[in-house]
Amino acid sequence: MAAGGAETTLQFGISLVPATESLDRIREVVGAADEAAIDLVGIQDHPYQHHFLDTWSLIPTLLAETRRISFLTDVANLPLRPPAVMAKAAASLDVLSGGRFELGLGAGGIPDVIAGFGGPRRTPGESVEALEEAIDVIRLLWSDERSVSFDGKYYRLDDARPGPHPAHPIGIWVGAFKPRMLRLVGRKADGWLPSLGVLTRDELRAGNERIDAAAEKAGRDPDSIRRIINLQGAIGKGPAPARSELPVGYLAGEPLAGPADWWVETLAGFVDDGFDTLVFWPVDPEPGQVELLAGDVVPHLRRSG
């Protein structure tokens, strides 16, 4: 169910780190997810990481190698990717894949590193303002209008021609953690995309409440906003690797770990908290983890949902 209580289709995904040295493994895991009862694959977007493949190059490659599964940027780094060009790329991927792309979007959480890579150095407040403008720009360029203009503080359009039109209504799912960003989600976004480990369980619940309040204040139905959560961990009897043993690209905090029935119970709790899209982030990305998720966890949650 959505945070406000309306029925929403329960979806399941996996999230992957685009490490160059893991390309063969990434392809194996994505292939297993495409064959299984998994809806989405999320790919991180950190262009400044020298050992990461470019996310906007990897996703179309994987789309071409799969038949069914959808992909999302988890989340796209706005300061290093102009929103007008991002809108064009997202719509193109959606058309080329037959409607299998969603846009996770972030304001850019490491300003010094972003500036070192040639991006703008923005304060937290400026980052929120720029993200709000970017959502407007992207939506204008997905519209049916013949031409569009936009005069913002950070972004401009002057008689720009939208196109191509996405094959389906692409969701703009915002990675947000602080109150001002959460209010922006409630006002304008199609979904909220946080990660357990960056926020605690209590903070996630409070975030859903803040988004609901902001949506209602803006005259929006809170149930129209998807709630997507990244959960890193390992499915099985053994413990997950300690934080110190994880490669670059993983979250702070200890990963979740337990057998399949423990994961069923744990994920059901997040559904009860209002999340309708559960994205498993395997600390050991291999096809067996996808098979356990799809075979031993997802069916129980779909039946109960």
C-alpha atoms as a PDB file:
ATOM      1  CA  MET A   1       0.000   0.000   0.000  1.00  0.00           C
ATOM      2  CA  ALA A   2       1.101   3.586  -0.533  1.00  0.00           C
ATOM      3  CA  ALA A   3       1.932   5.670   2.506  1.00  0.00           C
ATOM      4  CA  GLY A   4      -1.557   7.112   2.741  1.00  0.00           C
ATOM      5  CA  GLY A   5      -3.262   3.729   2.536  1.00  0.00           C
ATOM      6  CA  ALA A   6      -4.386   3.316  -1.090  1.00  0.00           C
ATOM      7  CA  GLU A   7      -3.699   0.096  -2.925  1.00  0.00           C
ATOM      8  CA  THR A   8      -0.459   0.257  -4.924  1.00  0.00           C
ATOM      9  CA  THR A   9       1.221  -2.474  -6.924  1.00  0.00           C
ATOM     10  CA  LEU A  10       4.020  -3.959  -4.845  1.00  0.00           C
ATOM     11  CA  GLN A  11       7.275  -4.039  -6.815  1.00  0.00           C
ATOM     12  CA  PHE A  12      10.709  -5.557  -6.203  1.00  0.00           C
ATOM     13  CA  GLY A  13      14.106  -4.589  -7.495  1.00  0.00           C
ATOM     14  CA  ILE A  14      17.829  -5.036  -7.103  1.00  0.00           C
ATOM     15  CA  SER A  15      20.451  -2.298  -6.997  1.00  0.00           C
ATOM     16  CA  LEU A  16      23.972  -2.701  -8.330  1.00  0.00           C
ATOM     17  CA  VAL A  17      27.290  -0.873  -8.073  1.00  0.00           C
ATOM     18  CA  PRO A  18      28.642  -0.261 -11.623  1.00  0.00           C
ATOM     19  CA  ALA A  19      32.206  -1.317 -10.831  1.00  0.00           C
ATOM     20  CA  THR A  20      34.232  -1.833 -14.009  1.00  0.00           C
ATOM     21  CA  GLU A  21      35.879  -4.989 -12.695  1.00  0.00           C
ATOM     22  CA  SER A  22      32.436  -6.492 -11.969  1.00  0.00           C
ATOM     23  CA  LEU A  23      30.947  -6.125 -15.452  1.00  0.00           C
ATOM     24  CA  ASP A  24      30.659  -9.859 -16.138  1.00  0.00           C
ATOM     25  CA  ARG A  25      29.036 -10.425 -12.745  1.00  0.00           C
ATOM     26  CA  ILE A  26      26.658  -7.484 -13.285  1.00  0.00           C
ATOM     27  CA  ARG A  27      25.515  -9.036 -16.556  1.00  0.00           C
ATOM     28  CA  GLU A  28      24.944 -12.391 -14.866  1.00  0.00           C
ATOM     29  CA  VAL A  29      22.933 -10.848 -12.033  1.00  0.00           C
ATOM     30  CA  VAL A  30      20.835  -8.700 -14.362  1.00  0.00           C
ATOM     31  CA  GLY A  31      20.189 -11.714 -16.599  1.00  0.00           C
ATOM     32  CA  ALA A  32      18.982 -13.697 -13.589  1.00  0.00           C
ATOM     33  CA  ALA A  33      16.713 -10.814 -12.521  1.00  0.00           C
ATOM     34  CA  ASP A  34      15.258 -10.561 -16.030  1.00  0.00           C
ATOM     35  CA  GLU A  35      14.305 -14.244 -15.889  1.00  0.00           C
ATOM     36  CA  ALA A  36      12.902 -14.021 -12.357  1.00  0.00           C
ATOM     37  CA  ALA A  37      10.025 -12.228 -10.641  1.00  0.00           C
ATOM     38  CA  ILE A  38      11.983  -8.986 -10.276  1.00  0.00           C
ATOM     39  CA  ASP A  39      10.634  -5.691 -11.629  1.00  0.00           C
ATOM     40  CA  LEU A  40      13.552  -3.264 -11.516  1.00  0.00           C
ATOM     41  CA  VAL A  41      17.322  -2.910 -11.612  1.00  0.00           C
ATOM     42  CA  GLY A  42      18.852   0.215 -10.095  1.00  0.00           C
ATOM     43  CA  ILE A  43      22.333   1.403 -11.077  1.00  0.00           C
ATOM     44  CA  GLN A  44      24.252   3.952  -9.002  1.00  0.00           C
ATOM     45  CA  ASP A  45      25.415   7.141 -10.713  1.00  0.00           C
ATOM     46  CA  HIS A  46      28.767   8.443  -9.433  1.00  0.00           C
ATOM     47  CA  PRO A  47      30.653   9.766 -12.486  1.00  0.00           C
ATOM     48  CA  TYR A  48      33.656  10.847 -10.377  1.00  0.00           C
ATOM     49  CA  GLN A  49      34.378   7.273  -9.219  1.00  0.00           C
ATOM     50  CA  HIS A  50      37.283   6.271 -11.459  1.00  0.00           C
ATOM     51  CA  HIS A  51      36.558   2.538 -11.211  1.00  0.00           C
ATOM     52  CA  PHE A  52      32.853   2.880 -12.063  1.00  0.00           C
ATOM     53  CA  LEU A  53      31.396   2.491 -15.529  1.00  0.00           C
ATOM     54  CA  ASP A  54      29.269   5.405 -16.676  1.00  0.00           C
ATOM     55  CA  THR A  55      25.708   4.668 -15.581  1.00  0.00           C
ATOM     56  CA  TRP A  56      24.089   6.237 -18.642  1.00  0.00           C
ATOM     57  CA  SER A  57      26.231   4.004 -20.852  1.00  0.00           C
ATOM     58  CA  LEU A  58      25.769   0.826 -18.802  1.00  0.00           C
ATOM     59  CA  ILE A  59      21.967   1.019 -18.559  1.00  0.00           C
ATOM     60  CA  PRO A  60      21.326   1.078 -22.342  1.00  0.00           C
ATOM     61  CA  THR A  61      23.754  -1.818 -22.760  1.00  0.00           C
ATOM     62  CA  LEU A  62      21.821  -3.843 -20.180  1.00  0.00           C
ATOM     63  CA  LEU A  63      18.470  -2.807 -21.647  1.00  0.00           C
ATOM     64  CA  ALA A  64      19.610  -4.207 -24.988  1.00  0.00           C
ATOM     65  CA  GLU A  65      20.594  -7.494 -23.314  1.00  0.00           C
ATOM     66  CA  THR A  66      17.281  -7.983 -21.462  1.00  0.00           C
ATOM     67  CA  ARG A  67      13.653  -8.535 -22.471  1.00  0.00           C
ATOM     68  CA  ARG A  68      11.382  -7.587 -19.600  1.00  0.00           C
ATOM     69  CA  ILE A  69      12.965  -5.874 -16.621  1.00  0.00           C
ATOM     70  CA  SER A  70      13.003  -2.094 -16.115  1.00  0.00           C
ATOM     71  CA  PHE A  71      15.990   0.027 -15.096  1.00  0.00           C
ATOM     72  CA  LEU A  72      16.396   3.148 -12.992  1.00  0.00           C
ATOM     73  CA  THR A  73      19.223   5.496 -12.130  1.00  0.00           C
ATOM     74  CA  ASP A  74      19.721   5.024  -8.388  1.00  0.00           C
ATOM     75  CA  VAL A  75      20.118   8.047  -8.416  1.00  0.00           C
ATOM     76  CA  ALA A  76      21.208  10.299 -11.323  1.00  0.00           C
ATOM     77  CA  ASN A  77      23.758  12.947 -10.315  1.00  0.00           C
ATOM     78  CA  LEU A  78      22.073  16.206 -11.323  1.00  0.00           C
ATOM     79  CA  PRO A  79      25.033  18.619 -10.916  1.00  0.00           C
ATOM     80  CA  LEU A  80      27.058  16.631 -13.464  1.00  0.00           C
ATOM     81  CA  ARG A  81      24.185  15.991 -15.887  1.00  0.00           C
ATOM     82  CA  PRO A  82      22.237  18.933 -17.384  1.00  0.00           C
ATOM     83  CA  PRO A  83      18.512  18.262 -16.938  1.00  0.00           C
ATOM     84  CA  ALA A  84      17.548  19.071 -20.532  1.00  0.00           C
ATOM     85  CA  VAL A  85      20.017  16.520 -21.872  1.00  0.00           C
ATOM     86  CA  MET A  86      19.016  14.063 -19.136  1.00  0.00           C
ATOM     87  CA  ALA A  87      15.369  14.420 -20.162  1.00  0.00           C
ATOM     88  CA  LYS A  88      16.287  13.636 -23.773  1.00  0.00           C
ATOM     89  CA  ALA A  89      18.401  10.635 -22.753  1.00  0.00           C
ATOM     90  CA  ALA A  90      15.724   9.260 -20.410  1.00  0.00           C
ATOM     91  CA  ALA A  91      12.950   9.583 -22.983  1.00  0.00           C
ATOM     92  CA  SER A  92      15.163   8.007 -25.650  1.00  0.00           C
ATOM     93  CA  LEU A  93      15.976   5.027 -23.431  1.00  0.00           C
ATOM     94  CA  ASP A  94      12.292   4.616 -22.638  1.00  0.00           C
ATOM     95  CA  VAL A  95      11.333   4.651 -26.326  1.00  0.00           C
ATOM     96  CA  LEU A  96      14.146   2.321 -27.368  1.00  0.00           C
ATOM     97  CA  SER A  97      13.325  -0.184 -24.601  1.00  0.00           C
ATOM     98  CA  GLY A  98       9.550  -0.118 -24.960  1.00  0.00           C
ATOM     99  CA  GLY A  99       8.903   1.708 -21.681  1.00  0.00           C
ATOM    100  CA  ARG A 100      11.491   0.144 -19.363  1.00  0.00           C
ATOM    101  CA  PHE A 101      13.181   3.174 -17.822  1.00  0.00           C
ATOM    102  CA  GLU A 102      12.543   5.179 -14.648  1.00  0.00           C
ATOM    103  CA  LEU A 103      14.484   8.250 -13.499  1.00  0.00           C
ATOM    104  CA  GLY A 104      15.906   8.259  -9.999  1.00  0.00           C
ATOM    105  CA  LEU A 105      17.194  11.797  -9.439  1.00  0.00           C
ATOM    106  CA  GLY A 106      19.480  13.268  -6.790  1.00  0.00           C
ATOM    107  CA  ALA A 107      20.787  16.723  -5.955  1.00  0.00           C
ATOM    108  CA  GLY A 108      24.392  15.507  -5.583  1.00  0.00           C
ATOM    109  CA  GLY A 109      25.495  14.668  -2.059  1.00  0.00           C
ATOM    110  CA  ILE A 110      29.285  15.177  -2.239  1.00  0.00           C
ATOM    111  CA  PRO A 111      29.770  18.821  -3.304  1.00  0.00           C
ATOM    112  CA  ASP A 112      33.584  18.921  -3.042  1.00  0.00           C
ATOM    113  CA  VAL A 113      34.025  15.835  -5.214  1.00  0.00           C
ATOM    114  CA  ILE A 114      31.441  17.072  -7.709  1.00  0.00           C
ATOM    115  CA  ALA A 115      33.214  20.440  -7.960  1.00  0.00           C
ATOM    116  CA  GLY A 116      36.535  18.640  -8.425  1.00  0.00           C
ATOM    117  CA  PHE A 117      35.007  16.803 -11.393  1.00  0.00           C
ATOM    118  CA  GLY A 118      33.954  20.064 -13.047  1.00  0.00           C
ATOM    119  CA  GLY A 119      30.450  20.429 -11.627  1.00  0.00           C
ATOM    120  CA  PRO A 120      29.015  23.428  -9.792  1.00  0.00           C
ATOM    121  CA  ARG A 121      29.686  23.831  -6.089  1.00  0.00           C
ATOM    122  CA  ARG A 122      26.285  24.335  -4.475  1.00  0.00           C
ATOM    123  CA  THR A 123      25.156  24.832  -0.911  1.00  0.00           C
ATOM    124  CA  PRO A 124      22.497  22.446   0.416  1.00  0.00           C
ATOM    125  CA  GLY A 125      19.841  25.100  -0.153  1.00  0.00           C
ATOM    126  CA  GLU A 126      20.994  25.778  -3.703  1.00  0.00           C
ATOM    127  CA  SER A 127      20.996  22.045  -4.420  1.00  0.00           C
ATOM    128  CA  VAL A 128      17.329  21.778  -3.474  1.00  0.00           C
ATOM    129  CA  GLU A 129      16.443  24.820  -5.592  1.00  0.00           C
ATOM    130  CA  ALA A 130      18.338  23.432  -8.578  1.00  0.00           C
ATOM    131  CA  LEU A 131      16.656  20.037  -8.232  1.00  0.00           C
ATOM    132  CA  GLU A 132      13.211  21.634  -8.162  1.00  0.00           C
ATOM    133  CA  GLU A 133      14.018  23.576 -11.322  1.00  0.00           C
ATOM    134  CA  ALA A 134      15.382  20.421 -12.956  1.00  0.00           C
ATOM    135  CA  ILE A 135      12.108  18.557 -12.346  1.00  0.00           C
ATOM    136  CA  ASP A 136      10.248  21.377 -14.103  1.00  0.00           C
ATOM    137  CA  VAL A 137      12.698  21.382 -17.027  1.00  0.00           C
ATOM    138  CA  ILE A 138      12.511  17.604 -17.462  1.00  0.00           C
ATOM    139  CA  ARG A 139       8.722  17.569 -17.406  1.00  0.00           C
ATOM    140  CA  LEU A 140       8.541  20.395 -19.944  1.00  0.00           C
ATOM    141  CA  LEU A 141      10.783  18.440 -22.300  1.00  0.00           C
ATOM    142  CA  TRP A 142       8.580  15.349 -21.921  1.00  0.00           C
ATOM    143  CA  SER A 143       5.442  17.349 -22.668  1.00  0.00           C
ATOM    144  CA  ASP A 144       3.321  17.477 -25.810  1.00  0.00           C
ATOM    145  CA  GLU A 145       4.009  21.168 -26.294  1.00  0.00           C
ATOM    146  CA  ARG A 146       5.474  22.314 -29.608  1.00  0.00           C
ATOM    147  CA  SER A 147       8.078  24.461 -27.820  1.00  0.00           C
ATOM    148  CA  VAL A 148       8.832  25.306 -24.187  1.00  0.00           C
ATOM    149  CA  SER A 149      10.716  27.996 -22.292  1.00  0.00           C
ATOM    150  CA  PHE A 150      11.915  28.179 -18.709  1.00  0.00           C
ATOM    151  CA  ASP A 151      13.702  31.027 -16.925  1.00  0.00           C
ATOM    152  CA  GLY A 152      15.217  29.724 -13.715  1.00  0.00           C
ATOM    153  CA  LYS A 153      18.088  30.643 -11.463  1.00  0.00           C
ATOM    154  CA  TYR A 154      20.058  27.508 -12.422  1.00  0.00           C
ATOM    155  CA  TYR A 155      18.539  26.300 -15.702  1.00  0.00           C
ATOM    156  CA  ARG A 156      17.042  27.942 -18.790  1.00  0.00           C
ATOM    157  CA  LEU A 157      15.110  26.871 -21.847  1.00  0.00           C
ATOM    158  CA  ASP A 158      14.393  29.263 -24.707  1.00  0.00           C
ATOM    159  CA  ASP A 159      11.954  27.995 -27.328  1.00  0.00           C
ATOM    160  CA  ALA A 160      13.245  24.436 -26.801  1.00  0.00           C
ATOM    161  CA  ARG A 161      11.534  21.663 -28.754  1.00  0.00           C
ATOM    162  CA  PRO A 162      10.411  18.647 -26.670  1.00  0.00           C
ATOM    163  CA  GLY A 163      10.959  15.161 -28.001  1.00  0.00           C
ATOM    164  CA  PRO A 164      10.967  12.279 -28.171  1.00  0.00           C
ATOM    165  CA  HIS A 165       7.976  11.682 -25.936  1.00  0.00           C
ATOM    166  CA  PRO A 166       8.573   8.827 -23.443  1.00  0.00           C
ATOM    167  CA  ALA A 167       6.953   5.488 -24.224  1.00  0.00           C
ATOM    168  CA  HIS A 168       5.283   5.489 -20.800  1.00  0.00           C
ATOM    169  CA  PRO A 169       4.914   8.044 -17.969  1.00  0.00           C
ATOM    170  CA  ILE A 170       8.470   7.933 -16.595  1.00  0.00           C
ATOM    171  CA  GLY A 171       8.591   8.320 -12.831  1.00  0.00           C
ATOM    172  CA  ILE A 172      10.869  10.971 -11.324  1.00  0.00           C
ATOM    173  CA  TRP A 173      11.890   9.332  -8.064  1.00  0.00           C
ATOM    174  CA  VAL A 174      13.935  11.654  -5.850  1.00  0.00           C
ATOM    175  CA  GLY A 175      16.671  10.561  -3.475  1.00  0.00           C
ATOM    176  CA  ALA A 176      15.890  12.782  -0.486  1.00  0.00           C
ATOM    177  CA  PHE A 177      16.955  12.688   3.161  1.00  0.00           C
ATOM    178  CA  LYS A 178      16.603  16.161   4.703  1.00  0.00           C
ATOM    179  CA  PRO A 179      13.322  17.977   5.521  1.00  0.00           C
ATOM    180  CA  ARG A 180      13.487  20.516   2.686  1.00  0.00           C
ATOM    181  CA  MET A 181      14.077  17.816   0.090  1.00  0.00           C
ATOM    182  CA  LEU A 182      11.289  15.707   1.564  1.00  0.00           C
ATOM    183  CA  ARG A 183       8.893  18.621   1.201  1.00  0.00           C
ATOM    184  CA  LEU A 184       9.993  18.932  -2.442  1.00  0.00           C
ATOM    185  CA  VAL A 185       9.133  15.259  -2.971  1.00  0.00           C
ATOM    186  CA  GLY A 186       5.671  15.899  -1.591  1.00  0.00           C
ATOM    187  CA  ARG A 187       5.162  18.914  -3.833  1.00  0.00           C
ATOM    188  CA  LYS A 188       6.563  17.695  -7.140  1.00  0.00           C
ATOM    189  CA  ALA A 189       8.121  14.230  -7.356  1.00  0.00           C
ATOM    190  CA  ASP A 190       6.559  10.964  -8.496  1.00  0.00           C
ATOM    191  CA  GLY A 191       8.399   8.935  -5.863  1.00  0.00           C
ATOM    192  CA  TRP A 192      10.721   8.967  -2.874  1.00  0.00           C
ATOM    193  CA  LEU A 193      13.913   6.893  -3.105  1.00  0.00           C
ATOM    194  CA  PRO A 194      15.818   6.742   0.216  1.00  0.00           C
ATOM    195  CA  SER A 195      18.216   4.098   1.559  1.00  0.00           C
ATOM    196  CA  LEU A 196      18.153   2.305   4.897  1.00  0.00           C
ATOM    197  CA  GLY A 197      21.502   3.061   6.484  1.00  0.00           C
ATOM    198  CA  VAL A 198      21.478   6.695   5.450  1.00  0.00           C
ATOM    199  CA  LEU A 199      18.197   7.003   7.343  1.00  0.00           C
ATOM    200  CA  THR A 200      17.071   4.894  10.279  1.00  0.00           C
ATOM    201  CA  ARG A 201      13.755   3.063  10.341  1.00  0.00           C
ATOM    202  CA  ASP A 202      12.219   5.817  12.494  1.00  0.00           C
ATOM    203  CA  GLU A 203      13.554   8.507  10.163  1.00  0.00           C
ATOM    204  CA  LEU A 204      12.065   6.684   7.183  1.00  0.00           C
ATOM    205  CA  ARG A 205       8.649   6.603   8.854  1.00  0.00           C
ATOM    206  CA  ALA A 206       8.955  10.310   9.685  1.00  0.00           C
ATOM    207  CA  GLY A 207       9.971  10.999   6.092  1.00  0.00           C
ATOM    208  CA  ASN A 208       6.819   9.366   4.766  1.00  0.00           C
ATOM    209  CA  GLU A 209       4.745  11.502   7.126  1.00  0.00           C
ATOM    210  CA  ARG A 210       6.543  14.680   6.046  1.00  0.00           C
ATOM    211  CA  ILE A 211       5.988  13.844   2.364  1.00  0.00           C
ATOM    212  CA  ASP A 212       2.301  13.140   2.985  1.00  0.00           C
ATOM    213  CA  ALA A 213       1.883  16.506   4.713  1.00  0.00           C
ATOM    214  CA  ALA A 214       3.695  18.394   1.940  1.00  0.00           C
ATOM    215  CA  ALA A 215       1.651  16.641  -0.733  1.00  0.00           C
ATOM    216  CA  GLU A 216      -1.630  17.492   0.967  1.00  0.00           C
ATOM    217  CA  LYS A 217      -0.544  21.113   1.390  1.00  0.00           C
ATOM    218  CA  ALA A 218       0.232  21.258  -2.347  1.00  0.00           C
ATOM    219  CA  GLY A 219      -3.159  19.777  -3.215  1.00  0.00           C
ATOM    220  CA  ARG A 220      -1.712  16.417  -4.270  1.00  0.00           C
ATOM    221  CA  ASP A 221      -2.842  12.933  -3.326  1.00  0.00           C
ATOM    222  CA  PRO A 222      -0.069  11.430  -1.153  1.00  0.00           C
ATOM    223  CA  ASP A 223      -0.976   8.000  -2.523  1.00  0.00           C
ATOM    224  CA  SER A 224       0.139   9.123  -5.986  1.00  0.00           C
ATOM    225  CA  ILE A 225       3.760   9.251  -4.757  1.00  0.00           C
ATOM    226  CA  ARG A 226       5.604   5.920  -4.881  1.00  0.00           C
ATOM    227  CA  ARG A 227       7.809   5.009  -1.920  1.00  0.00           C
ATOM    228  CA  ILE A 228      10.937   3.101  -2.976  1.00  0.00           C
ATOM    229  CA  ILE A 229      13.615   1.939  -0.560  1.00  0.00           C
ATOM    230  CA  ASN A 230      17.130   0.565  -1.027  1.00  0.00           C
ATOM    231  CA  LEU A 231      18.012  -2.195   1.469  1.00  0.00           C
ATOM    232  CA  GLN A 232      21.544  -3.565   1.355  1.00  0.00           C
ATOM    233  CA  GLY A 233      22.310  -6.987   2.718  1.00  0.00           C
ATOM    234  CA  ALA A 234      22.650 -10.712   2.129  1.00  0.00           C
ATOM    235  CA  ILE A 235      20.030 -13.469   1.942  1.00  0.00           C
ATOM    236  CA  GLY A 236      21.211 -16.686   3.581  1.00  0.00           C
ATOM    237  CA  LYS A 237      22.203 -18.193   6.894  1.00  0.00           C
ATOM    238  CA  GLY A 238      25.620 -16.604   7.254  1.00  0.00           C
ATOM    239  CA  PRO A 239      26.338 -13.029   8.374  1.00  0.00           C
ATOM    240  CA  ALA A 240      26.730 -10.267   5.807  1.00  0.00           C
ATOM    241  CA  PRO A 241      30.203  -8.756   5.383  1.00  0.00           C
ATOM    242  CA  ALA A 242      31.117  -6.066   7.894  1.00  0.00           C
ATOM    243  CA  ARG A 243      31.130  -2.469   6.713  1.00  0.00           C
ATOM    244  CA  SER A 244      34.952  -2.426   6.672  1.00  0.00           C
ATOM    245  CA  GLU A 245      34.968  -5.351   4.219  1.00  0.00           C
ATOM    246  CA  LEU A 246      32.696  -3.718   1.635  1.00  0.00           C
ATOM    247  CA  PRO A 247      34.084  -2.041  -1.515  1.00  0.00           C
ATOM    248  CA  VAL A 248      33.508   1.604  -2.393  1.00  0.00           C
ATOM    249  CA  GLY A 249      29.904   2.299  -3.326  1.00  0.00           C
ATOM    250  CA  TYR A 250      28.110   0.740  -0.366  1.00  0.00           C
ATOM    251  CA  LEU A 251      26.192   2.567   2.329  1.00  0.00           C
ATOM    252  CA  ALA A 252      27.170   3.420   5.852  1.00  0.00           C
ATOM    253  CA  GLY A 253      25.893   1.061   8.532  1.00  0.00           C
ATOM    254  CA  GLU A 254      25.943  -2.700   8.792  1.00  0.00           C
ATOM    255  CA  PRO A 255      24.141  -4.646   6.034  1.00  0.00           C
ATOM    256  CA  LEU A 256      21.029  -6.673   6.789  1.00  0.00           C
ATOM    257  CA  ALA A 257      21.507 -10.430   6.884  1.00  0.00           C
ATOM    258  CA  GLY A 258      19.369 -13.467   7.538  1.00  0.00           C
ATOM    259  CA  PRO A 259      17.621 -16.457   5.959  1.00  0.00           C
ATOM    260  CA  ALA A 260      14.806 -16.023   3.457  1.00  0.00           C
ATOM    261  CA  ASP A 261      12.003 -16.221   6.029  1.00  0.00           C
ATOM    262  CA  TRP A 262      13.692 -13.443   8.045  1.00  0.00           C
ATOM    263  CA  TRP A 263      13.798 -11.285   4.908  1.00  0.00           C
ATOM    264  CA  VAL A 264      10.096 -11.936   4.278  1.00  0.00           C
ATOM    265  CA  GLU A 265       9.254 -10.697   7.758  1.00  0.00           C
ATOM    266  CA  THR A 266      11.649  -7.743   7.545  1.00  0.00           C
ATOM    267  CA  LEU A 267      10.460  -6.552   4.146  1.00  0.00           C
ATOM    268  CA  ALA A 268       6.838  -6.945   5.190  1.00  0.00           C
ATOM    269  CA  GLY A 269       7.593  -4.456   7.953  1.00  0.00           C
ATOM    270  CA  PHE A 270       8.739  -1.877   5.404  1.00  0.00           C
ATOM    271  CA  VAL A 271       5.563  -2.452   3.398  1.00  0.00           C
ATOM    272  CA  ASP A 272       3.602  -1.774   6.580  1.00  0.00           C
ATOM    273  CA  ASP A 273       5.622   1.441   6.962  1.00  0.00           C
ATOM    274  CA  GLY A 274       4.316   2.630   3.590  1.00  0.00           C
ATOM    275  CA  PHE A 275       6.946   1.454   1.083  1.00  0.00           C
ATOM    276  CA  ASP A 276       5.598  -0.096  -2.116  1.00  0.00           C
ATOM    277  CA  THR A 277       8.864  -0.760  -3.985  1.00  0.00           C
ATOM    278  CA  LEU A 278      11.578  -2.782  -2.220  1.00  0.00           C
ATOM    279  CA  VAL A 279      15.019  -2.681  -3.829  1.00  0.00           C
ATOM    280  CA  PHE A 280      17.451  -5.308  -2.546  1.00  0.00           C
ATOM    281  CA  TRP A 281      21.090  -4.197  -2.714  1.00  0.00           C
ATOM    282  CA  PRO A 282      23.166  -7.402  -2.473  1.00  0.00           C
ATOM    283  CA  VAL A 283      26.533  -6.928  -0.802  1.00  0.00           C
ATOM    284  CA  ASP A 284      27.608 -10.034  -2.719  1.00  0.00           C
ATOM    285  CA  PRO A 285      26.030  -9.479  -6.141  1.00  0.00           C
ATOM    286  CA  GLU A 286      25.692 -12.917  -7.665  1.00  0.00           C
ATOM    287  CA  PRO A 287      22.826 -14.747  -9.388  1.00  0.00           C
ATOM    288  CA  GLY A 288      22.160 -16.954  -6.359  1.00  0.00           C
ATOM    289  CA  GLN A 289      21.086 -13.910  -4.327  1.00  0.00           C
ATOM    290  CA  VAL A 290      18.606 -12.915  -7.035  1.00  0.00           C
ATOM    291  CA  GLU A 291      17.254 -16.468  -7.172  1.00  0.00           C
ATOM    292  CA  LEU A 292      16.740 -16.525  -3.389  1.00  0.00           C
ATOM    293  CA  LEU A 293      15.004 -13.154  -3.497  1.00  0.00           C
ATOM    294  CA  ALA A 294      12.745 -14.118  -6.406  1.00  0.00           C
ATOM    295  CA  GLY A 295      12.065 -17.688  -5.310  1.00  0.00           C
ATOM    296  CA  ASP A 296      11.974 -17.614  -1.505  1.00  0.00           C
ATOM    297  CA  VAL A 297      11.096 -14.029  -0.551  1.00  0.00           C
ATOM    298  CA  VAL A 298       9.077 -12.237  -3.223  1.00  0.00           C
ATOM    299  CA  PRO A 299       6.266 -14.841  -3.631  1.00  0.00           C
ATOM    300  CA  HIS A 300       5.371 -14.667   0.076  1.00  0.00           C
ATOM    301  CA  LEU A 301       5.225 -10.866  -0.007  1.00  0.00           C
ATOM    302  CA  ARG A 302       3.166 -10.768  -3.186  1.00  0.00           C
ATOM    303  CA  ARG A 303       0.630 -13.152  -1.654  1.00  0.00           C
ATOM    304  CA  SER A 304       0.396 -11.176   1.574  1.00  0.00           C
ATOM    305  CA  GLY A 305       0.317  -7.843  -0.304  1.00  0.00           C
END
